[in-house]
């Protein structure tokens, strides 16, 4: 199913055959530097466990640029525990978002900015989110710069928020509002 389509980007729901592409990207040390960690490579079984068969609120999707599959994105309504952790009230309807471009030759071309802005706008307009949040690690300057160009703002520091390559890393809570 197509979730979002723009001039050159399509976001569609995850299909069974996508597991091979995910395993390829998530075993590449270049990609793993930024997503999951180089000490955490994925094989098909691990991809199936993490990305398939879960009955939760996450919507896993693939990103297509033209006719080429280049990355992964997921979005989900925040649960009350995450809202509280981020300093929001339970009554707010907030979506979280995670993504990566798995084809490194598509990095630094403005595609990520377009993707993130388009998806955040979709979540606010189509899903009635009051805001969209992400929590990139503080050292990931390229991602933070991309998100800021797409309209996200740093809201607060989340100390030791994410396990990455053998240690808990600080993250920024980044927020997009209509």
N, C-alpha and C. Protein backbone atom coordinates (compact mmCIF):
# COMPACT_ATOMS: atom_id res chain seq x y z
N UNK A 1 0.83 -1.17 0.00
CA UNK A 1 0.00 0.00 0.00
C UNK A 1 0.89 1.25 0.00
N UNK A 2 0.53 2.22 -0.82
CA UNK A 2 1.24 3.49 -0.87
C UNK A 2 0.78 4.35 0.30
N UNK A 3 1.72 4.82 1.09
CA UNK A 3 1.43 5.70 2.22
C UNK A 3 1.57 7.15 1.79
N UNK A 4 2.60 7.43 1.01
CA UNK A 4 2.92 8.80 0.64
C UNK A 4 3.61 8.78 -0.72
N UNK A 5 3.23 9.72 -1.57
CA UNK A 5 3.89 9.85 -2.87
C UNK A 5 4.13 11.33 -3.13
N UNK A 6 5.35 11.65 -3.57
CA UNK A 6 5.67 13.02 -3.95
C UNK A 6 6.28 12.96 -5.35
N UNK A 7 6.90 14.04 -5.76
CA UNK A 7 7.45 14.11 -7.11
C UNK A 7 8.34 12.92 -7.46
N UNK A 8 9.25 12.57 -6.56
CA UNK A 8 10.19 11.50 -6.86
C UNK A 8 10.31 10.46 -5.75
N UNK A 9 9.59 10.65 -4.66
CA UNK A 9 9.64 9.71 -3.55
C UNK A 9 8.31 9.00 -3.37
N UNK A 10 8.39 7.72 -3.07
CA UNK A 10 7.22 6.94 -2.69
C UNK A 10 7.54 6.24 -1.39
N UNK A 11 6.62 6.29 -0.44
CA UNK A 11 6.72 5.53 0.80
C UNK A 11 5.60 4.51 0.75
N UNK A 12 5.97 3.24 0.83
CA UNK A 12 4.99 2.16 0.76
C UNK A 12 5.20 1.22 1.93
N UNK A 13 4.16 0.50 2.29
CA UNK A 13 4.28 -0.42 3.42
C UNK A 13 5.24 -1.56 3.10
N UNK A 14 5.83 -2.07 4.14
CA UNK A 14 6.80 -3.16 4.06
C UNK A 14 6.16 -4.42 3.50
N UNK A 15 6.87 -5.07 2.58
CA UNK A 15 6.42 -6.33 1.97
C UNK A 15 7.37 -7.45 2.37
N UNK A 16 6.94 -8.71 2.29
CA UNK A 16 7.80 -9.83 2.69
C UNK A 16 9.15 -9.86 1.95
N UNK A 17 9.16 -9.53 0.68
CA UNK A 17 10.40 -9.58 -0.10
C UNK A 17 11.39 -8.48 0.28
N UNK A 18 10.95 -7.48 1.05
CA UNK A 18 11.84 -6.40 1.47
C UNK A 18 12.87 -6.86 2.51
N UNK A 19 12.64 -8.02 3.09
CA UNK A 19 13.57 -8.49 4.13
C UNK A 19 14.99 -8.65 3.60
N UNK A 20 15.13 -8.97 2.34
CA UNK A 20 16.48 -9.16 1.77
C UNK A 20 17.22 -7.83 1.66
N UNK A 21 16.50 -6.80 1.26
CA UNK A 21 17.11 -5.47 1.18
C UNK A 21 17.47 -4.97 2.57
N UNK A 22 16.57 -5.14 3.54
CA UNK A 22 16.86 -4.72 4.91
C UNK A 22 18.08 -5.44 5.47
N UNK A 23 18.17 -6.75 5.23
CA UNK A 23 19.33 -7.52 5.71
C UNK A 23 20.62 -7.03 5.05
N UNK A 24 20.54 -6.69 3.79
CA UNK A 24 21.72 -6.17 3.08
C UNK A 24 22.17 -4.85 3.70
N UNK A 25 21.24 -3.91 3.88
CA UNK A 25 21.60 -2.62 4.46
C UNK A 25 22.09 -2.76 5.89
N UNK A 26 21.40 -3.60 6.67
CA UNK A 26 21.71 -3.70 8.10
C UNK A 26 22.82 -4.68 8.41
N UNK A 27 23.56 -5.05 7.38
CA UNK A 27 24.82 -5.77 7.58
C UNK A 27 25.99 -4.96 7.01
N UNK A 28 25.69 -3.78 6.51
CA UNK A 28 26.70 -2.86 5.95
C UNK A 28 27.23 -1.96 7.06
N UNK A 29 28.53 -2.04 7.38
CA UNK A 29 29.08 -1.21 8.47
C UNK A 29 28.87 0.29 8.27
N UNK A 30 28.82 0.75 7.03
CA UNK A 30 28.61 2.18 6.78
C UNK A 30 27.22 2.60 7.26
N UNK A 31 26.21 1.81 6.95
CA UNK A 31 24.84 2.10 7.41
C UNK A 31 24.74 1.89 8.92
N UNK A 32 25.33 0.81 9.41
CA UNK A 32 25.24 0.48 10.83
C UNK A 32 25.91 1.52 11.73
N UNK A 33 26.83 2.30 11.18
CA UNK A 33 27.44 3.37 11.96
C UNK A 33 26.37 4.30 12.52
N UNK A 34 25.31 4.51 11.73
CA UNK A 34 24.27 5.46 12.10
C UNK A 34 22.99 4.81 12.59
N UNK A 35 22.74 3.56 12.24
CA UNK A 35 21.47 2.91 12.56
C UNK A 35 21.77 1.52 13.10
N UNK A 36 21.50 1.27 14.33
CA UNK A 36 21.64 -0.01 15.02
C UNK A 36 23.04 -0.26 15.57
N UNK A 37 24.09 0.22 14.94
CA UNK A 37 25.46 0.04 15.43
C UNK A 37 26.22 -1.05 14.69
N UNK A 38 27.50 -0.81 14.47
CA UNK A 38 28.35 -1.76 13.73
C UNK A 38 28.53 -3.08 14.48
N UNK A 39 28.26 -3.07 15.78
CA UNK A 39 28.36 -4.31 16.57
C UNK A 39 27.04 -5.08 16.56
N UNK A 40 26.09 -4.67 15.72
CA UNK A 40 24.76 -5.26 15.73
C UNK A 40 24.27 -5.55 14.30
N UNK A 41 25.05 -6.31 13.52
CA UNK A 41 24.61 -6.60 12.14
C UNK A 41 23.40 -7.54 12.13
N UNK A 42 22.62 -7.44 11.06
CA UNK A 42 21.40 -8.22 10.91
C UNK A 42 21.58 -9.26 9.81
N UNK A 43 20.99 -10.43 10.05
CA UNK A 43 20.81 -11.42 8.99
C UNK A 43 19.30 -11.51 8.76
N UNK A 44 18.88 -12.39 7.86
CA UNK A 44 17.45 -12.50 7.52
C UNK A 44 16.61 -12.81 8.77
N UNK A 45 17.08 -13.74 9.60
CA UNK A 45 16.30 -14.11 10.79
C UNK A 45 16.11 -12.92 11.72
N UNK A 46 17.15 -12.13 11.90
CA UNK A 46 17.05 -10.97 12.79
C UNK A 46 16.13 -9.89 12.18
N UNK A 47 16.19 -9.72 10.86
CA UNK A 47 15.28 -8.79 10.18
C UNK A 47 13.84 -9.24 10.38
N UNK A 48 13.58 -10.53 10.18
CA UNK A 48 12.21 -11.03 10.36
C UNK A 48 11.73 -10.81 11.78
N UNK A 49 12.60 -11.03 12.75
CA UNK A 49 12.23 -10.86 14.15
C UNK A 49 11.91 -9.40 14.48
N UNK A 50 12.74 -8.48 14.00
CA UNK A 50 12.58 -7.07 14.37
C UNK A 50 11.53 -6.34 13.53
N UNK A 51 11.41 -6.65 12.25
CA UNK A 51 10.59 -5.85 11.35
C UNK A 51 9.26 -6.49 10.94
N UNK A 52 9.10 -7.79 11.19
CA UNK A 52 7.90 -8.49 10.72
C UNK A 52 7.18 -9.18 11.88
N UNK A 53 5.88 -9.36 11.70
CA UNK A 53 5.11 -10.19 12.62
C UNK A 53 4.72 -9.54 13.92
N UNK A 54 5.02 -8.28 14.11
CA UNK A 54 4.64 -7.61 15.35
C UNK A 54 3.25 -7.02 15.20
N UNK A 55 2.45 -7.21 16.18
CA UNK A 55 1.10 -6.63 16.20
C UNK A 55 1.12 -5.38 17.07
N UNK A 56 1.85 -4.38 16.61
CA UNK A 56 1.89 -3.15 17.39
C UNK A 56 1.48 -1.98 16.50
N UNK A 57 1.65 -0.81 16.99
CA UNK A 57 1.18 0.39 16.30
C UNK A 57 2.17 0.93 15.28
N UNK A 58 3.35 0.32 15.17
CA UNK A 58 4.34 0.79 14.20
C UNK A 58 3.86 0.48 12.78
N UNK A 59 4.09 1.44 11.88
CA UNK A 59 3.82 1.22 10.46
C UNK A 59 5.17 1.20 9.76
N UNK A 60 5.68 0.01 9.41
CA UNK A 60 6.98 -0.09 8.75
C UNK A 60 6.83 0.11 7.24
N UNK A 61 7.71 0.90 6.65
CA UNK A 61 7.60 1.25 5.24
C UNK A 61 8.97 1.26 4.56
N UNK A 62 8.94 1.11 3.27
CA UNK A 62 10.13 1.25 2.44
C UNK A 62 10.04 2.56 1.68
N UNK A 63 11.21 3.11 1.39
CA UNK A 63 11.32 4.38 0.67
C UNK A 63 11.83 4.07 -0.73
N UNK A 64 11.12 4.57 -1.73
CA UNK A 64 11.55 4.41 -3.12
C UNK A 64 11.88 5.78 -3.70
N UNK A 65 12.98 5.85 -4.39
CA UNK A 65 13.38 7.04 -5.12
C UNK A 65 13.32 6.68 -6.59
N UNK A 66 12.39 7.28 -7.31
CA UNK A 66 12.14 6.81 -8.68
C UNK A 66 11.63 5.38 -8.58
N UNK A 67 12.32 4.47 -9.21
CA UNK A 67 11.94 3.05 -9.16
C UNK A 67 12.88 2.22 -8.29
N UNK A 68 13.75 2.87 -7.53
CA UNK A 68 14.74 2.15 -6.71
C UNK A 68 14.38 2.25 -5.23
N UNK A 69 14.40 1.12 -4.56
CA UNK A 69 14.20 1.09 -3.11
C UNK A 69 15.51 1.53 -2.46
N UNK A 70 15.43 2.60 -1.64
CA UNK A 70 16.67 3.17 -1.10
C UNK A 70 16.71 3.22 0.43
N UNK A 71 15.58 2.95 1.10
CA UNK A 71 15.62 3.08 2.55
C UNK A 71 14.36 2.61 3.25
N UNK A 72 14.36 2.86 4.55
CA UNK A 72 13.31 2.38 5.45
C UNK A 72 12.84 3.54 6.31
N UNK A 73 11.53 3.56 6.61
CA UNK A 73 10.97 4.53 7.55
C UNK A 73 9.83 3.85 8.30
N UNK A 74 9.69 4.20 9.56
CA UNK A 74 8.55 3.73 10.34
C UNK A 74 8.00 4.90 11.13
N UNK A 75 6.68 4.83 11.37
CA UNK A 75 6.05 5.86 12.19
C UNK A 75 5.06 5.17 13.12
N UNK A 76 4.79 5.83 14.26
CA UNK A 76 3.99 5.20 15.30
C UNK A 76 3.49 6.25 16.28
N UNK A 77 2.28 6.07 16.81
CA UNK A 77 1.82 6.97 17.87
C UNK A 77 2.61 6.66 19.15
N UNK A 78 3.03 7.70 19.85
CA UNK A 78 3.77 7.50 21.09
C UNK A 78 2.85 6.93 22.16
N UNK A 79 3.39 5.99 22.93
CA UNK A 79 2.63 5.49 24.07
C UNK A 79 2.76 6.48 25.24
N UNK A 80 1.96 6.28 26.27
CA UNK A 80 1.95 7.22 27.40
C UNK A 80 3.29 7.28 28.12
N UNK A 81 4.01 6.16 28.19
CA UNK A 81 5.33 6.17 28.83
C UNK A 81 6.32 7.05 28.09
N UNK A 82 6.33 6.94 26.74
CA UNK A 82 7.22 7.79 25.95
C UNK A 82 6.82 9.25 26.05
N UNK A 83 5.51 9.52 26.03
CA UNK A 83 5.05 10.91 26.17
C UNK A 83 5.55 11.50 27.48
N UNK A 84 5.40 10.73 28.56
CA UNK A 84 5.84 11.21 29.87
C UNK A 84 7.35 11.43 29.88
N UNK A 85 8.11 10.49 29.32
CA UNK A 85 9.57 10.60 29.25
C UNK A 85 9.99 11.85 28.49
N UNK A 86 9.23 12.20 27.46
CA UNK A 86 9.56 13.36 26.63
C UNK A 86 8.97 14.66 27.18
N UNK A 87 8.17 14.57 28.26
CA UNK A 87 7.62 15.77 28.88
C UNK A 87 6.29 16.22 28.32
N UNK A 88 5.53 15.31 27.71
CA UNK A 88 4.23 15.65 27.14
C UNK A 88 3.12 14.98 27.93
N UNK A 89 1.92 15.54 27.82
CA UNK A 89 0.75 14.99 28.51
C UNK A 89 0.17 13.81 27.75
N UNK A 90 -0.52 12.95 28.49
CA UNK A 90 -1.12 11.75 27.90
C UNK A 90 -2.18 12.06 26.86
N UNK A 91 -2.82 13.21 26.95
CA UNK A 91 -3.91 13.52 26.03
C UNK A 91 -3.43 13.96 24.65
N UNK A 92 -2.15 14.31 24.53
CA UNK A 92 -1.64 14.74 23.22
C UNK A 92 -1.49 13.54 22.29
N UNK A 93 -1.77 13.76 21.01
CA UNK A 93 -1.61 12.72 20.00
C UNK A 93 -0.33 13.02 19.23
N UNK A 94 0.72 12.28 19.56
CA UNK A 94 2.07 12.54 19.04
C UNK A 94 2.57 11.29 18.32
N UNK A 95 3.18 11.51 17.17
CA UNK A 95 3.80 10.40 16.43
C UNK A 95 5.31 10.48 16.54
N UNK A 96 5.93 9.31 16.60
CA UNK A 96 7.37 9.18 16.49
C UNK A 96 7.71 8.66 15.11
N UNK A 97 8.95 8.88 14.71
CA UNK A 97 9.38 8.49 13.38
C UNK A 97 10.86 8.09 13.44
N UNK A 98 11.21 7.04 12.71
CA UNK A 98 12.60 6.60 12.58
C UNK A 98 12.82 6.27 11.11
N UNK A 99 14.00 6.53 10.60
CA UNK A 99 14.26 6.26 9.20
C UNK A 99 15.76 6.16 8.94
N UNK A 100 16.08 5.55 7.82
CA UNK A 100 17.44 5.59 7.31
C UNK A 100 17.41 5.36 5.81
N UNK A 101 18.38 5.96 5.14
CA UNK A 101 18.59 5.68 3.72
C UNK A 101 19.71 4.64 3.68
N UNK A 102 19.38 3.46 3.18
CA UNK A 102 20.32 2.34 3.18
C UNK A 102 21.29 2.34 2.01
N UNK A 103 20.98 3.10 0.99
CA UNK A 103 21.85 3.20 -0.19
C UNK A 103 22.69 4.47 -0.04
N UNK A 104 23.95 4.30 0.37
CA UNK A 104 24.80 5.44 0.72
C UNK A 104 24.99 6.43 -0.43
N UNK A 105 24.89 5.97 -1.68
CA UNK A 105 25.06 6.90 -2.80
C UNK A 105 23.91 7.91 -2.88
N UNK A 106 22.85 7.71 -2.11
CA UNK A 106 21.72 8.64 -2.05
C UNK A 106 21.81 9.59 -0.86
N UNK A 107 22.88 9.49 -0.08
CA UNK A 107 23.09 10.40 1.04
C UNK A 107 23.54 11.76 0.52
N UNK A 108 23.27 12.79 1.30
CA UNK A 108 23.75 14.15 1.01
C UNK A 108 23.23 14.70 -0.31
N UNK A 109 22.01 14.33 -0.68
CA UNK A 109 21.40 14.82 -1.92
C UNK A 109 20.07 15.53 -1.67
N UNK A 110 19.72 15.76 -0.38
CA UNK A 110 18.47 16.43 -0.07
C UNK A 110 17.26 15.51 0.00
N UNK A 111 17.47 14.23 -0.25
CA UNK A 111 16.37 13.27 -0.25
C UNK A 111 15.83 13.08 1.17
N UNK A 112 16.73 12.98 2.14
CA UNK A 112 16.30 12.80 3.53
C UNK A 112 15.46 13.97 4.02
N UNK A 113 15.87 15.18 3.70
CA UNK A 113 15.10 16.37 4.09
C UNK A 113 13.70 16.31 3.50
N UNK A 114 13.61 16.01 2.22
CA UNK A 114 12.30 15.92 1.57
C UNK A 114 11.44 14.81 2.19
N UNK A 115 12.06 13.66 2.44
CA UNK A 115 11.35 12.54 3.05
C UNK A 115 10.79 12.91 4.42
N UNK A 116 11.65 13.42 5.29
CA UNK A 116 11.27 13.72 6.67
C UNK A 116 10.20 14.81 6.72
N UNK A 117 10.35 15.85 5.93
CA UNK A 117 9.35 16.92 5.89
C UNK A 117 8.02 16.39 5.36
N UNK A 118 8.06 15.63 4.27
CA UNK A 118 6.83 15.09 3.68
C UNK A 118 6.11 14.16 4.65
N UNK A 119 6.86 13.30 5.33
CA UNK A 119 6.25 12.36 6.26
C UNK A 119 5.69 13.08 7.49
N UNK A 120 6.41 14.07 8.00
CA UNK A 120 5.91 14.83 9.15
C UNK A 120 4.62 15.56 8.78
N UNK A 121 4.60 16.17 7.60
CA UNK A 121 3.37 16.84 7.15
C UNK A 121 2.22 15.84 7.00
N UNK A 122 2.51 14.67 6.46
CA UNK A 122 1.50 13.62 6.32
C UNK A 122 0.92 13.24 7.69
N UNK A 123 1.79 13.04 8.67
CA UNK A 123 1.33 12.63 10.00
C UNK A 123 0.47 13.70 10.67
N UNK A 124 0.80 14.96 10.45
CA UNK A 124 0.01 16.04 11.04
C UNK A 124 -1.30 16.22 10.29
N UNK A 125 -1.26 16.22 8.98
CA UNK A 125 -2.48 16.49 8.19
C UNK A 125 -3.39 15.27 8.07
N UNK A 126 -2.82 14.10 7.84
CA UNK A 126 -3.64 12.90 7.58
C UNK A 126 -3.94 12.10 8.85
N UNK A 127 -3.01 12.09 9.80
CA UNK A 127 -3.19 11.30 11.02
C UNK A 127 -3.56 12.17 12.22
N UNK A 128 -3.65 13.48 12.01
CA UNK A 128 -4.04 14.44 13.04
C UNK A 128 -3.10 14.48 14.24
N UNK A 129 -1.82 14.25 14.01
CA UNK A 129 -0.83 14.36 15.09
C UNK A 129 -0.70 15.83 15.49
N UNK A 130 -0.53 16.07 16.79
CA UNK A 130 -0.28 17.44 17.24
C UNK A 130 1.18 17.82 17.03
N UNK A 131 2.03 16.80 17.01
CA UNK A 131 3.46 17.00 16.75
C UNK A 131 4.08 15.66 16.37
N UNK A 132 5.26 15.73 15.78
CA UNK A 132 6.02 14.55 15.39
C UNK A 132 7.39 14.68 16.04
N UNK A 133 7.88 13.59 16.62
CA UNK A 133 9.17 13.63 17.32
C UNK A 133 10.13 12.58 16.78
N UNK A 134 11.40 12.90 16.92
CA UNK A 134 12.49 11.95 16.64
C UNK A 134 13.55 12.16 17.71
N UNK A 135 14.43 11.17 17.87
CA UNK A 135 15.47 11.30 18.89
C UNK A 135 16.84 10.84 18.37
N UNK A 136 17.44 11.61 17.45
CA UNK A 136 18.75 11.24 16.93
C UNK A 136 19.83 11.37 18.01
N UNK A 137 20.85 10.56 17.88
CA UNK A 137 21.98 10.66 18.80
C UNK A 137 22.70 11.99 18.56
N UNK A 138 23.19 12.60 19.64
CA UNK A 138 23.75 13.96 19.57
C UNK A 138 24.96 14.06 18.65
N UNK A 139 25.70 12.99 18.47
CA UNK A 139 26.90 13.04 17.62
C UNK A 139 26.56 12.96 16.13
N UNK A 140 25.32 12.62 15.78
CA UNK A 140 24.94 12.42 14.39
C UNK A 140 24.56 13.76 13.74
N UNK A 141 25.58 14.58 13.49
CA UNK A 141 25.37 15.94 12.99
C UNK A 141 24.67 15.96 11.64
N UNK A 142 24.97 15.00 10.77
CA UNK A 142 24.34 14.99 9.45
C UNK A 142 22.83 14.81 9.56
N UNK A 143 22.38 13.87 10.40
CA UNK A 143 20.95 13.64 10.59
C UNK A 143 20.29 14.86 11.25
N UNK A 144 20.91 15.40 12.27
CA UNK A 144 20.35 16.56 12.97
C UNK A 144 20.20 17.74 12.02
N UNK A 145 21.20 17.98 11.21
CA UNK A 145 21.15 19.06 10.22
C UNK A 145 20.00 18.83 9.23
N UNK A 146 19.85 17.60 8.76
CA UNK A 146 18.77 17.24 7.85
C UNK A 146 17.41 17.52 8.49
N UNK A 147 17.24 17.09 9.73
CA UNK A 147 15.96 17.26 10.41
C UNK A 147 15.65 18.74 10.65
N UNK A 148 16.68 19.51 11.00
CA UNK A 148 16.47 20.95 11.20
C UNK A 148 16.08 21.62 9.88
N UNK A 149 16.70 21.24 8.78
CA UNK A 149 16.33 21.79 7.47
C UNK A 149 14.89 21.44 7.11
N UNK A 150 14.40 20.30 7.61
CA UNK A 150 13.02 19.86 7.35
C UNK A 150 12.01 20.51 8.29
N UNK A 151 12.49 21.31 9.26
CA UNK A 151 11.57 22.02 10.15
C UNK A 151 11.50 21.50 11.57
N UNK A 152 12.27 20.46 11.90
CA UNK A 152 12.31 19.96 13.27
C UNK A 152 13.19 20.88 14.10
N UNK A 153 12.87 20.98 15.39
CA UNK A 153 13.66 21.79 16.30
C UNK A 153 14.09 20.94 17.50
N UNK A 154 15.30 21.20 17.97
CA UNK A 154 15.77 20.52 19.19
C UNK A 154 14.93 21.02 20.36
N UNK A 155 14.34 20.08 21.09
CA UNK A 155 13.48 20.45 22.22
C UNK A 155 14.18 20.24 23.55
N UNK A 156 14.89 19.12 23.67
CA UNK A 156 15.63 18.87 24.90
C UNK A 156 16.58 17.70 24.73
N UNK A 157 17.60 17.70 25.59
CA UNK A 157 18.57 16.63 25.60
C UNK A 157 18.00 15.43 26.35
N UNK A 158 18.21 14.24 25.79
CA UNK A 158 17.80 12.99 26.42
C UNK A 158 19.07 12.21 26.78
N UNK A 159 19.56 12.38 28.01
CA UNK A 159 20.82 11.74 28.39
C UNK A 159 20.72 10.21 28.37
N UNK A 160 21.76 9.59 27.85
CA UNK A 160 21.88 8.12 27.84
C UNK A 160 20.57 7.45 27.39
N UNK A 161 20.06 7.88 26.26
CA UNK A 161 18.74 7.47 25.79
C UNK A 161 18.75 6.23 24.90
N UNK A 162 19.86 5.96 24.21
CA UNK A 162 19.86 4.88 23.24
C UNK A 162 21.15 4.07 23.31
N UNK A 163 21.00 2.75 23.33
CA UNK A 163 22.15 1.85 23.32
C UNK A 163 22.72 1.79 21.91
N UNK A 164 23.99 2.10 21.75
CA UNK A 164 24.63 2.10 20.43
C UNK A 164 26.10 1.78 20.60
N UNK A 165 26.52 0.71 19.96
CA UNK A 165 27.93 0.29 19.94
C UNK A 165 28.54 0.23 21.34
N UNK A 166 27.85 -0.47 22.22
CA UNK A 166 28.41 -0.79 23.53
C UNK A 166 28.23 0.23 24.63
N UNK A 167 27.45 1.28 24.37
CA UNK A 167 27.22 2.26 25.43
C UNK A 167 25.91 2.99 25.18
N UNK A 168 25.38 3.56 26.26
CA UNK A 168 24.20 4.41 26.12
C UNK A 168 24.65 5.77 25.61
N UNK A 169 23.95 6.28 24.60
CA UNK A 169 24.30 7.55 23.97
C UNK A 169 23.23 8.59 24.26
N UNK A 170 23.68 9.84 24.36
CA UNK A 170 22.76 10.96 24.50
C UNK A 170 22.07 11.20 23.16
N UNK A 171 20.82 11.63 23.23
CA UNK A 171 20.04 11.95 22.04
C UNK A 171 19.40 13.32 22.20
N UNK A 172 19.02 13.90 21.08
CA UNK A 172 18.20 15.10 21.09
C UNK A 172 16.76 14.71 20.84
N UNK A 173 15.85 15.23 21.61
CA UNK A 173 14.44 15.15 21.26
C UNK A 173 14.21 16.27 20.28
N UNK A 174 13.82 15.91 19.06
CA UNK A 174 13.55 16.89 18.02
C UNK A 174 12.06 16.85 17.68
N UNK A 175 11.46 18.03 17.52
CA UNK A 175 10.01 18.14 17.41
C UNK A 175 9.63 18.95 16.17
N UNK A 176 8.58 18.45 15.51
CA UNK A 176 8.00 19.14 14.37
C UNK A 176 6.53 19.40 14.70
N UNK A 177 6.10 20.65 14.53
CA UNK A 177 4.70 21.00 14.75
C UNK A 177 4.15 21.67 13.50
N UNK A 178 2.85 21.67 13.40
CA UNK A 178 2.20 22.27 12.22
C UNK A 178 2.46 23.76 12.17
